[in-house]
Amino acid sequence: MKPQNTSRAKAPRCRSFEVQDENTLMPFLLQVLHDQSRTAVKSFLAHKLVQVNNRVTTQFDTPLKPGDTVTVGMNKSAAPFHHPMLNLLYEDEHLLVVEKASGLLSMGTERDKTKTAYYILNNYLRNKDPRNHIFILHRLDRETSGIMMFAKSKKVQEILQKNWNDMIRKRKYVAVVEGCPQPEQGQVKSYISENKALIVHATSSQDGKLAITNYTTLKSNRQFALVELELETGRKNQIRVHMQEIGHPVTGDPKYGATKNPLHRLALHAFKLNFTHPVTGKVMKFETPVPTKFTTLFK
């Protein structure tokens, strides 16, 4: 048998493995790639041929948890996703979970059909296979950043939309608001509707839909407060309307009462999403850090 040329080890062609137990990347790779030498596995990492949950990593000590997917190899269908305004958090054959930057539309409008999360992700999937398509599940406002998910089939979209309240276990946001809410923890509950000018506002129960938002103040100073918000309902502009309603609008949101814009953006970020997977039944949990800009106001 000829000795293996470890300086140019040939990576397996797009092999994927599901993690069963907590581990770190190097020992996991040595276990599943038992036909490869340690030097070869290091080469795969060095040449960016290893992905964890569809994100390229070169770190041998990357932590792994049950349910993670490790892919080794590279071809067109396994090419990693890269975009300055979208971060791919998770992908399987049924769903995409992403983190959207402030300034990017969720869906197209008459004015802008291409600078959208939907358009970018649809192109990403169609580059893998022209038959691929994505389906919208929920939206974030253009200036709101944070976690969104899309379905890869009409069937998965319908399952989630029909069972949304049961399958979405937790949706949390963080915001910087003007002033400091009193009490520091509470619930805002009202009926809201949208007028002809496309502005959502509080209204009577006969004309609107019930909206419930729970809030907790995390940090505050004389001018602003950093608040965590959990939705019990998912109405359009719900958080923005409710914060205006209690006299503490989200900074950078003049449409709903803000007079200050210290961060030069709408200070609202969807940082946590937990849901039941519509096909596997597994509980999926995603969380992103609070934007650094938000916390700089409280140092």
C-alpha atoms as a PDB file:
ATOM      1  CA  MET A   1       0.000   0.000   0.000  1.00  0.00           C
ATOM      2  CA  LYS A   2       1.394   3.402  -0.935  1.00  0.00           C
ATOM      3  CA  PRO A   3       1.745   5.920   1.867  1.00  0.00           C
ATOM      4  CA  GLN A   4      -0.940   8.651   1.870  1.00  0.00           C
ATOM      5  CA  ASN A   5       0.110  12.086   0.622  1.00  0.00           C
ATOM      6  CA  THR A   6      -1.061  13.949   3.687  1.00  0.00           C
ATOM      7  CA  SER A   7      -0.105  17.382   2.344  1.00  0.00           C
ATOM      8  CA  ARG A   8      -2.937  17.122  -0.204  1.00  0.00           C
ATOM      9  CA  ALA A   9      -5.398  14.819   1.491  1.00  0.00           C
ATOM     10  CA  LYS A  10      -8.502  14.364  -0.598  1.00  0.00           C
ATOM     11  CA  ALA A  11     -11.649  15.235   1.321  1.00  0.00           C
ATOM     12  CA  PRO A  12     -14.626  12.902   1.169  1.00  0.00           C
ATOM     13  CA  ARG A  13     -17.254  14.210  -1.233  1.00  0.00           C
ATOM     14  CA  CYS A  14     -19.789  16.016   0.929  1.00  0.00           C
ATOM     15  CA  ARG A  15     -20.349  13.546   3.755  1.00  0.00           C
ATOM     16  CA  SER A  16     -22.638  14.699   6.560  1.00  0.00           C
ATOM     17  CA  PHE A  17     -22.868  13.393  10.121  1.00  0.00           C
ATOM     18  CA  GLU A  18     -25.326  14.150  12.920  1.00  0.00           C
ATOM     19  CA  VAL A  19     -23.853  14.659  16.381  1.00  0.00           C
ATOM     20  CA  GLN A  20     -25.350  12.356  19.015  1.00  0.00           C
ATOM     21  CA  ASP A  21     -23.410  13.399  22.131  1.00  0.00           C
ATOM     22  CA  GLU A  22     -21.612  16.533  23.313  1.00  0.00           C
ATOM     23  CA  ASN A  23     -18.116  16.649  21.899  1.00  0.00           C
ATOM     24  CA  THR A  24     -15.545  18.888  20.223  1.00  0.00           C
ATOM     25  CA  LEU A  25     -14.868  18.894  16.515  1.00  0.00           C
ATOM     26  CA  MET A  26     -11.466  17.178  16.222  1.00  0.00           C
ATOM     27  CA  PRO A  27     -12.268  14.005  18.189  1.00  0.00           C
ATOM     28  CA  PHE A  28     -15.652  13.807  16.460  1.00  0.00           C
ATOM     29  CA  LEU A  29     -14.019  13.986  13.018  1.00  0.00           C
ATOM     30  CA  LEU A  30     -11.434  11.371  13.937  1.00  0.00           C
ATOM     31  CA  GLN A  31     -14.262   9.104  15.056  1.00  0.00           C
ATOM     32  CA  VAL A  32     -16.499   9.440  11.997  1.00  0.00           C
ATOM     33  CA  LEU A  33     -13.638   9.683   9.497  1.00  0.00           C
ATOM     34  CA  HIS A  34     -11.856   6.610  10.798  1.00  0.00           C
ATOM     35  CA  ASP A  35     -10.540   5.963   7.292  1.00  0.00           C
ATOM     36  CA  GLN A  36      -8.558   9.225   7.387  1.00  0.00           C
ATOM     37  CA  SER A  37      -5.349  10.039   9.268  1.00  0.00           C
ATOM     38  CA  ARG A  38      -5.156  12.769  11.904  1.00  0.00           C
ATOM     39  CA  THR A  39      -2.989  14.834   9.547  1.00  0.00           C
ATOM     40  CA  ALA A  40      -5.578  14.482   6.791  1.00  0.00           C
ATOM     41  CA  VAL A  41      -8.367  15.639   9.095  1.00  0.00           C
ATOM     42  CA  LYS A  42      -6.289  18.676  10.099  1.00  0.00           C
ATOM     43  CA  SER A  43      -5.857  19.400   6.407  1.00  0.00           C
ATOM     44  CA  PHE A  44      -9.619  19.391   5.842  1.00  0.00           C
ATOM     45  CA  LEU A  45      -9.969  21.991   8.610  1.00  0.00           C
ATOM     46  CA  ALA A  46      -7.107  24.111   7.302  1.00  0.00           C
ATOM     47  CA  HIS A  47      -8.564  24.118   3.771  1.00  0.00           C
ATOM     48  CA  LYS A  48     -12.036  25.131   4.999  1.00  0.00           C
ATOM     49  CA  LEU A  49     -13.636  21.817   4.029  1.00  0.00           C
ATOM     50  CA  VAL A  50     -15.515  21.344   7.307  1.00  0.00           C
ATOM     51  CA  GLN A  51     -18.866  22.901   8.179  1.00  0.00           C
ATOM     52  CA  VAL A  52     -20.825  22.799  11.426  1.00  0.00           C
ATOM     53  CA  ASN A  53     -24.512  23.516  10.834  1.00  0.00           C
ATOM     54  CA  ASN A  54     -23.608  24.844   7.356  1.00  0.00           C
ATOM     55  CA  ARG A  55     -21.005  27.285   8.680  1.00  0.00           C
ATOM     56  CA  VAL A  56     -17.362  26.762   7.721  1.00  0.00           C
ATOM     57  CA  THR A  57     -15.007  26.335  10.656  1.00  0.00           C
ATOM     58  CA  THR A  58     -11.270  25.823  10.914  1.00  0.00           C
ATOM     59  CA  GLN A  59     -11.226  25.494  14.722  1.00  0.00           C
ATOM     60  CA  PHE A  60     -10.419  21.954  15.903  1.00  0.00           C
ATOM     61  CA  ASP A  61     -11.955  22.671  19.343  1.00  0.00           C
ATOM     62  CA  THR A  62     -15.345  23.901  18.060  1.00  0.00           C
ATOM     63  CA  PRO A  63     -17.932  22.620  20.587  1.00  0.00           C
ATOM     64  CA  LEU A  64     -20.602  20.235  19.285  1.00  0.00           C
ATOM     65  CA  LYS A  65     -23.967  19.435  20.819  1.00  0.00           C
ATOM     66  CA  PRO A  66     -26.549  16.736  20.042  1.00  0.00           C
ATOM     67  CA  GLY A  67     -28.437  17.504  16.837  1.00  0.00           C
ATOM     68  CA  ASP A  68     -25.614  19.486  15.207  1.00  0.00           C
ATOM     69  CA  THR A  69     -24.702  18.552  11.642  1.00  0.00           C
ATOM     70  CA  VAL A  70     -21.065  18.260  10.590  1.00  0.00           C
ATOM     71  CA  THR A  71     -20.327  18.231   6.849  1.00  0.00           C
ATOM     72  CA  VAL A  72     -16.953  17.343   5.342  1.00  0.00           C
ATOM     73  CA  GLY A  73     -16.153  18.029   1.703  1.00  0.00           C
ATOM     74  CA  MET A  74     -17.117  20.647  -0.808  1.00  0.00           C
ATOM     75  CA  ASN A  75     -19.151  20.719  -3.968  1.00  0.00           C
ATOM     76  CA  LYS A  76     -21.709  23.070  -5.463  1.00  0.00           C
ATOM     77  CA  SER A  77     -24.568  21.805  -3.319  1.00  0.00           C
ATOM     78  CA  ALA A  78     -22.504  22.066  -0.131  1.00  0.00           C
ATOM     79  CA  ALA A  79     -21.051  25.524  -0.792  1.00  0.00           C
ATOM     80  CA  PRO A  80     -21.331  27.683   2.332  1.00  0.00           C
ATOM     81  CA  PHE A  81     -23.733  30.618   2.385  1.00  0.00           C
ATOM     82  CA  HIS A  82     -22.192  34.082   2.602  1.00  0.00           C
ATOM     83  CA  HIS A  83     -23.973  37.433   2.598  1.00  0.00           C
ATOM     84  CA  PRO A  84     -23.142  40.680   4.445  1.00  0.00           C
ATOM     85  CA  MET A  85     -26.741  41.183   5.624  1.00  0.00           C
ATOM     86  CA  LEU A  86     -27.754  37.583   6.355  1.00  0.00           C
ATOM     87  CA  ASN A  87     -26.185  35.007   8.637  1.00  0.00           C
ATOM     88  CA  LEU A  88     -27.280  31.384   8.142  1.00  0.00           C
ATOM     89  CA  LEU A  89     -27.882  29.870  11.582  1.00  0.00           C
ATOM     90  CA  TYR A  90     -29.379  26.515  10.549  1.00  0.00           C
ATOM     91  CA  GLU A  91     -30.407  24.577   7.471  1.00  0.00           C
ATOM     92  CA  ASP A  92     -31.907  21.144   6.885  1.00  0.00           C
ATOM     93  CA  GLU A  93     -34.068  19.708   4.115  1.00  0.00           C
ATOM     94  CA  HIS A  94     -37.172  21.412   5.538  1.00  0.00           C
ATOM     95  CA  LEU A  95     -36.142  24.779   7.028  1.00  0.00           C
ATOM     96  CA  LEU A  96     -33.732  27.710   6.941  1.00  0.00           C
ATOM     97  CA  VAL A  97     -33.092  29.812  10.075  1.00  0.00           C
ATOM     98  CA  VAL A  98     -31.220  33.080   9.528  1.00  0.00           C
ATOM     99  CA  GLU A  99     -30.211  36.257  11.309  1.00  0.00           C
ATOM    100  CA  LYS A 100     -31.207  39.344   9.300  1.00  0.00           C
ATOM    101  CA  ALA A 101     -29.369  42.661   9.518  1.00  0.00           C
ATOM    102  CA  SER A 102     -31.146  45.966  10.051  1.00  0.00           C
ATOM    103  CA  GLY A 103     -31.906  47.575   6.673  1.00  0.00           C
ATOM    104  CA  LEU A 104     -32.836  44.397   4.806  1.00  0.00           C
ATOM    105  CA  LEU A 105     -36.444  43.716   3.805  1.00  0.00           C
ATOM    106  CA  SER A 106     -37.941  40.320   4.625  1.00  0.00           C
ATOM    107  CA  MET A 107     -40.008  40.217   1.425  1.00  0.00           C
ATOM    108  CA  GLY A 108     -40.065  42.223  -1.787  1.00  0.00           C
ATOM    109  CA  THR A 109     -42.114  45.365  -2.411  1.00  0.00           C
ATOM    110  CA  GLU A 110     -43.122  47.128  -5.627  1.00  0.00           C
ATOM    111  CA  ARG A 111     -40.052  49.352  -5.199  1.00  0.00           C
ATOM    112  CA  ASP A 112     -37.527  46.717  -4.164  1.00  0.00           C
ATOM    113  CA  LYS A 113     -37.834  43.073  -5.144  1.00  0.00           C
ATOM    114  CA  THR A 114     -34.182  41.999  -4.856  1.00  0.00           C
ATOM    115  CA  LYS A 115     -32.687  43.483  -1.668  1.00  0.00           C
ATOM    116  CA  THR A 116     -34.682  41.090   0.479  1.00  0.00           C
ATOM    117  CA  ALA A 117     -33.990  38.057   2.647  1.00  0.00           C
ATOM    118  CA  TYR A 118     -36.474  36.068   0.558  1.00  0.00           C
ATOM    119  CA  TYR A 119     -34.749  36.863  -2.765  1.00  0.00           C
ATOM    120  CA  ILE A 120     -31.231  36.207  -1.449  1.00  0.00           C
ATOM    121  CA  LEU A 121     -32.127  32.861   0.146  1.00  0.00           C
ATOM    122  CA  ASN A 122     -34.202  31.754  -2.840  1.00  0.00           C
ATOM    123  CA  ASN A 123     -31.185  32.336  -5.098  1.00  0.00           C
ATOM    124  CA  TYR A 124     -28.949  30.437  -2.681  1.00  0.00           C
ATOM    125  CA  LEU A 125     -31.223  27.386  -2.834  1.00  0.00           C
ATOM    126  CA  ARG A 126     -31.753  27.577  -6.595  1.00  0.00           C
ATOM    127  CA  ASN A 127     -28.001  27.630  -7.149  1.00  0.00           C
ATOM    128  CA  LYS A 128     -27.990  24.203  -5.527  1.00  0.00           C
ATOM    129  CA  ASP A 129     -30.943  22.955  -7.558  1.00  0.00           C
ATOM    130  CA  PRO A 130     -33.174  25.041  -9.900  1.00  0.00           C
ATOM    131  CA  ARG A 131     -36.220  23.197  -8.527  1.00  0.00           C
ATOM    132  CA  ASN A 132     -35.641  24.545  -5.008  1.00  0.00           C
ATOM    133  CA  HIS A 133     -37.819  27.285  -3.587  1.00  0.00           C
ATOM    134  CA  ILE A 134     -38.463  28.933  -0.213  1.00  0.00           C
ATOM    135  CA  PHE A 135     -41.687  29.945   1.511  1.00  0.00           C
ATOM    136  CA  ILE A 136     -42.182  32.831   3.928  1.00  0.00           C
ATOM    137  CA  LEU A 137     -43.259  31.988   7.485  1.00  0.00           C
ATOM    138  CA  HIS A 138     -43.064  35.333   9.280  1.00  0.00           C
ATOM    139  CA  ARG A 139     -41.540  38.766   8.735  1.00  0.00           C
ATOM    140  CA  LEU A 140     -39.371  41.321  10.466  1.00  0.00           C
ATOM    141  CA  ASP A 141     -39.610  45.022   9.618  1.00  0.00           C
ATOM    142  CA  ARG A 142     -36.841  46.302   7.356  1.00  0.00           C
ATOM    143  CA  GLU A 143     -35.098  48.142  10.216  1.00  0.00           C
ATOM    144  CA  THR A 144     -35.546  45.325  12.754  1.00  0.00           C
ATOM    145  CA  SER A 145     -32.670  42.856  12.948  1.00  0.00           C
ATOM    146  CA  GLY A 146     -32.700  39.296  14.211  1.00  0.00           C
ATOM    147  CA  ILE A 147     -33.836  35.715  13.750  1.00  0.00           C
ATOM    148  CA  MET A 148     -36.213  34.626  10.992  1.00  0.00           C
ATOM    149  CA  MET A 149     -37.058  31.266   9.478  1.00  0.00           C
ATOM    150  CA  PHE A 150     -38.249  30.097   6.068  1.00  0.00           C
ATOM    151  CA  ALA A 151     -39.765  26.826   4.882  1.00  0.00           C
ATOM    152  CA  LYS A 152     -38.378  24.854   1.955  1.00  0.00           C
ATOM    153  CA  SER A 153     -41.759  23.439   0.897  1.00  0.00           C
ATOM    154  CA  LYS A 154     -45.385  24.504   0.786  1.00  0.00           C
ATOM    155  CA  LYS A 155     -46.290  21.568   3.019  1.00  0.00           C
ATOM    156  CA  VAL A 156     -43.898  22.631   5.801  1.00  0.00           C
ATOM    157  CA  GLN A 157     -45.089  26.234   5.469  1.00  0.00           C
ATOM    158  CA  GLU A 158     -48.715  25.150   5.901  1.00  0.00           C
ATOM    159  CA  ILE A 159     -47.948  22.953   8.926  1.00  0.00           C
ATOM    160  CA  LEU A 160     -46.204  25.813  10.724  1.00  0.00           C
ATOM    161  CA  GLN A 161     -48.696  28.507   9.789  1.00  0.00           C
ATOM    162  CA  LYS A 162     -51.723  26.402  10.773  1.00  0.00           C
ATOM    163  CA  ASN A 163     -50.146  25.463  14.119  1.00  0.00           C
ATOM    164  CA  TRP A 164     -48.127  28.646  14.737  1.00  0.00           C
ATOM    165  CA  ASN A 165     -49.284  29.339  18.302  1.00  0.00           C
ATOM    166  CA  ASP A 166     -48.599  25.753  19.376  1.00  0.00           C
ATOM    167  CA  MET A 167     -45.329  25.200  17.525  1.00  0.00           C
ATOM    168  CA  ILE A 168     -43.664  28.544  18.274  1.00  0.00           C
ATOM    169  CA  ARG A 169     -42.586  28.051  21.873  1.00  0.00           C
ATOM    170  CA  LYS A 170     -40.763  31.315  22.470  1.00  0.00           C
ATOM    171  CA  ARG A 171     -40.137  34.571  20.590  1.00  0.00           C
ATOM    172  CA  LYS A 172     -38.086  37.203  22.354  1.00  0.00           C
ATOM    173  CA  TYR A 173     -36.790  40.596  21.308  1.00  0.00           C
ATOM    174  CA  VAL A 174     -34.516  43.180  22.864  1.00  0.00           C
ATOM    175  CA  ALA A 175     -34.983  46.916  22.359  1.00  0.00           C
ATOM    176  CA  VAL A 176     -33.663  50.265  23.501  1.00  0.00           C
ATOM    177  CA  VAL A 177     -36.568  52.493  24.494  1.00  0.00           C
ATOM    178  CA  GLU A 178     -36.820  56.133  25.517  1.00  0.00           C
ATOM    179  CA  GLY A 179     -37.023  56.599  29.279  1.00  0.00           C
ATOM    180  CA  CYS A 180     -37.433  53.797  31.801  1.00  0.00           C
ATOM    181  CA  PRO A 181     -40.737  51.873  31.966  1.00  0.00           C
ATOM    182  CA  GLN A 182     -42.494  51.800  35.326  1.00  0.00           C
ATOM    183  CA  PRO A 183     -43.017  49.238  36.642  1.00  0.00           C
ATOM    184  CA  GLU A 184     -39.750  47.741  35.324  1.00  0.00           C
ATOM    185  CA  GLN A 185     -41.547  44.512  34.451  1.00  0.00           C
ATOM    186  CA  GLY A 186     -45.053  44.213  33.098  1.00  0.00           C
ATOM    187  CA  GLN A 187     -47.487  43.295  30.357  1.00  0.00           C
ATOM    188  CA  VAL A 188     -49.062  45.441  27.634  1.00  0.00           C
ATOM    189  CA  LYS A 189     -52.393  44.123  26.409  1.00  0.00           C
ATOM    190  CA  SER A 190     -54.566  45.918  23.876  1.00  0.00           C
ATOM    191  CA  TYR A 191     -56.397  45.610  20.578  1.00  0.00           C
ATOM    192  CA  ILE A 192     -54.577  47.008  17.566  1.00  0.00           C
ATOM    193  CA  SER A 193     -55.392  47.519  13.891  1.00  0.00           C
ATOM    194  CA  GLU A 194     -53.894  49.161  10.792  1.00  0.00           C
ATOM    195  CA  ASN A 195     -55.351  52.318   9.260  1.00  0.00           C
ATOM    196  CA  LYS A 196     -55.376  53.412   5.617  1.00  0.00           C
ATOM    197  CA  ALA A 197     -51.999  55.139   6.083  1.00  0.00           C
ATOM    198  CA  LEU A 198     -50.540  51.707   7.042  1.00  0.00           C
ATOM    199  CA  ILE A 199     -49.957  52.834  10.619  1.00  0.00           C
ATOM    200  CA  VAL A 200     -50.853  50.314  13.325  1.00  0.00           C
ATOM    201  CA  HIS A 201     -52.589  51.784  16.379  1.00  0.00           C
ATOM    202  CA  ALA A 202     -54.578  50.860  19.463  1.00  0.00           C
ATOM    203  CA  THR A 203     -58.293  50.460  18.830  1.00  0.00           C
ATOM    204  CA  SER A 204     -61.436  48.875  20.219  1.00  0.00           C
ATOM    205  CA  SER A 205     -61.927  45.125  20.503  1.00  0.00           C
ATOM    206  CA  GLN A 206     -64.535  45.267  17.717  1.00  0.00           C
ATOM    207  CA  ASP A 207     -62.120  46.797  15.197  1.00  0.00           C
ATOM    208  CA  GLY A 208     -58.791  45.245  16.134  1.00  0.00           C
ATOM    209  CA  LYS A 209     -56.897  42.096  17.079  1.00  0.00           C
ATOM    210  CA  LEU A 210     -55.746  41.290  20.590  1.00  0.00           C
ATOM    211  CA  ALA A 211     -52.011  41.880  21.096  1.00  0.00           C
ATOM    212  CA  ILE A 212     -50.055  40.899  24.224  1.00  0.00           C
ATOM    213  CA  THR A 213     -46.427  41.862  24.933  1.00  0.00           C
ATOM    214  CA  ASN A 214     -44.487  41.086  28.128  1.00  0.00           C
ATOM    215  CA  TYR A 215     -41.489  43.277  28.942  1.00  0.00           C
ATOM    216  CA  THR A 216     -38.609  43.258  31.439  1.00  0.00           C
ATOM    217  CA  THR A 217     -36.116  46.089  31.921  1.00  0.00           C
ATOM    218  CA  LEU A 218     -32.536  44.795  31.775  1.00  0.00           C
ATOM    219  CA  LYS A 219     -30.564  48.064  32.071  1.00  0.00           C
ATOM    220  CA  SER A 220     -31.421  51.736  32.301  1.00  0.00           C
ATOM    221  CA  ASN A 221     -30.055  55.235  32.719  1.00  0.00           C
ATOM    222  CA  ARG A 222     -31.650  58.669  32.743  1.00  0.00           C
ATOM    223  CA  GLN A 223     -32.444  58.651  29.028  1.00  0.00           C
ATOM    224  CA  PHE A 224     -32.875  55.054  27.866  1.00  0.00           C
ATOM    225  CA  ALA A 225     -33.703  51.514  28.942  1.00  0.00           C
ATOM    226  CA  LEU A 226     -32.681  48.175  27.465  1.00  0.00           C
ATOM    227  CA  VAL A 227     -35.751  45.946  27.613  1.00  0.00           C
ATOM    228  CA  GLU A 228     -36.420  42.294  26.820  1.00  0.00           C
ATOM    229  CA  LEU A 229     -39.770  41.662  25.170  1.00  0.00           C
ATOM    230  CA  GLU A 230     -41.661  38.397  24.773  1.00  0.00           C
ATOM    231  CA  LEU A 231     -44.587  38.109  22.379  1.00  0.00           C
ATOM    232  CA  GLU A 232     -47.702  36.166  23.291  1.00  0.00           C
ATOM    233  CA  THR A 233     -49.260  37.240  19.977  1.00  0.00           C
ATOM    234  CA  GLY A 234     -47.615  38.122  16.664  1.00  0.00           C
ATOM    235  CA  ARG A 235     -49.333  41.243  15.315  1.00  0.00           C
ATOM    236  CA  LYS A 236     -47.782  43.619  12.798  1.00  0.00           C
ATOM    237  CA  ASN A 237     -45.608  46.283  14.529  1.00  0.00           C
ATOM    238  CA  GLN A 238     -46.893  44.994  17.880  1.00  0.00           C
ATOM    239  CA  ILE A 239     -43.814  45.860  19.961  1.00  0.00           C
ATOM    240  CA  ARG A 240     -43.452  49.297  18.400  1.00  0.00           C
ATOM    241  CA  VAL A 241     -47.116  50.136  19.040  1.00  0.00           C
ATOM    242  CA  HIS A 242     -47.073  48.800  22.603  1.00  0.00           C
ATOM    243  CA  MET A 243     -43.917  50.668  23.585  1.00  0.00           C
ATOM    244  CA  GLN A 244     -45.457  53.880  22.236  1.00  0.00           C
ATOM    245  CA  GLU A 245     -48.661  53.071  24.113  1.00  0.00           C
ATOM    246  CA  ILE A 246     -46.885  52.999  27.498  1.00  0.00           C
ATOM    247  CA  GLY A 247     -44.924  56.183  26.705  1.00  0.00           C
ATOM    248  CA  HIS A 248     -41.550  54.547  25.980  1.00  0.00           C
ATOM    249  CA  PRO A 249     -41.155  54.283  22.202  1.00  0.00           C
ATOM    250  CA  VAL A 250     -38.309  52.309  20.637  1.00  0.00           C
ATOM    251  CA  THR A 251     -35.426  54.672  19.843  1.00  0.00           C
ATOM    252  CA  GLY A 252     -35.007  55.442  16.169  1.00  0.00           C
ATOM    253  CA  ASP A 253     -38.739  54.911  15.541  1.00  0.00           C
ATOM    254  CA  PRO A 254     -40.334  58.315  14.748  1.00  0.00           C
ATOM    255  CA  LYS A 255     -43.294  56.552  13.112  1.00  0.00           C
ATOM    256  CA  TYR A 256     -44.298  55.355  16.567  1.00  0.00           C
ATOM    257  CA  GLY A 257     -43.404  58.297  18.756  1.00  0.00           C
ATOM    258  CA  ALA A 258     -39.596  58.267  19.118  1.00  0.00           C
ATOM    259  CA  THR A 259     -37.842  61.640  19.413  1.00  0.00           C
ATOM    260  CA  LYS A 260     -34.284  60.288  19.672  1.00  0.00           C
ATOM    261  CA  ASN A 261     -32.102  58.149  17.416  1.00  0.00           C
ATOM    262  CA  PRO A 262     -28.749  57.627  19.194  1.00  0.00           C
ATOM    263  CA  LEU A 263     -27.935  54.392  17.337  1.00  0.00           C
ATOM    264  CA  HIS A 264     -28.930  55.639  13.853  1.00  0.00           C
ATOM    265  CA  ARG A 265     -31.264  52.674  13.425  1.00  0.00           C
ATOM    266  CA  LEU A 266     -34.452  51.221  14.865  1.00  0.00           C
ATOM    267  CA  ALA A 267     -33.220  49.709  18.142  1.00  0.00           C
ATOM    268  CA  LEU A 268     -35.164  46.445  17.933  1.00  0.00           C
ATOM    269  CA  HIS A 269     -33.634  42.969  17.564  1.00  0.00           C
ATOM    270  CA  ALA A 270     -35.297  39.512  17.510  1.00  0.00           C
ATOM    271  CA  PHE A 271     -32.733  37.564  19.542  1.00  0.00           C
ATOM    272  CA  LYS A 272     -34.461  34.314  20.514  1.00  0.00           C
ATOM    273  CA  LEU A 273     -36.662  31.804  18.657  1.00  0.00           C
ATOM    274  CA  ASN A 274     -37.661  28.384  20.019  1.00  0.00           C
ATOM    275  CA  PHE A 275     -40.025  26.158  18.060  1.00  0.00           C
ATOM    276  CA  THR A 276     -41.084  22.573  17.483  1.00  0.00           C
ATOM    277  CA  HIS A 277     -39.694  21.265  14.212  1.00  0.00           C
ATOM    278  CA  PRO A 278     -42.696  20.649  11.924  1.00  0.00           C
ATOM    279  CA  VAL A 279     -41.308  17.342  10.578  1.00  0.00           C
ATOM    280  CA  THR A 280     -39.018  15.822  13.225  1.00  0.00           C
ATOM    281  CA  GLY A 281     -40.885  17.098  16.284  1.00  0.00           C
ATOM    282  CA  LYS A 282     -37.597  18.162  17.897  1.00  0.00           C
ATOM    283  CA  VAL A 283     -37.486  21.361  19.952  1.00  0.00           C
ATOM    284  CA  MET A 284     -35.230  23.815  18.091  1.00  0.00           C
ATOM    285  CA  LYS A 285     -33.610  26.682  20.022  1.00  0.00           C
ATOM    286  CA  PHE A 286     -31.835  29.676  18.488  1.00  0.00           C
ATOM    287  CA  GLU A 287     -30.369  32.729  20.203  1.00  0.00           C
ATOM    288  CA  THR A 288     -28.135  35.578  18.994  1.00  0.00           C
ATOM    289  CA  PRO A 289     -26.237  38.150  21.087  1.00  0.00           C
ATOM    290  CA  VAL A 290     -27.701  41.543  21.902  1.00  0.00           C
ATOM    291  CA  PRO A 291     -26.275  43.956  19.274  1.00  0.00           C
ATOM    292  CA  THR A 292     -23.167  45.649  20.677  1.00  0.00           C
ATOM    293  CA  LYS A 293     -24.563  49.044  19.673  1.00  0.00           C
ATOM    294  CA  PHE A 294     -27.475  48.557  22.075  1.00  0.00           C
ATOM    295  CA  THR A 295     -25.298  47.965  25.144  1.00  0.00           C
ATOM    296  CA  THR A 296     -22.885  50.842  24.456  1.00  0.00           C
ATOM    297  CA  LEU A 297     -25.528  53.290  25.710  1.00  0.00           C
ATOM    298  CA  PHE A 298     -25.328  51.775  29.198  1.00  0.00           C
ATOM    299  CA  LYS A 299     -21.574  51.751  29.864  1.00  0.00           C
END
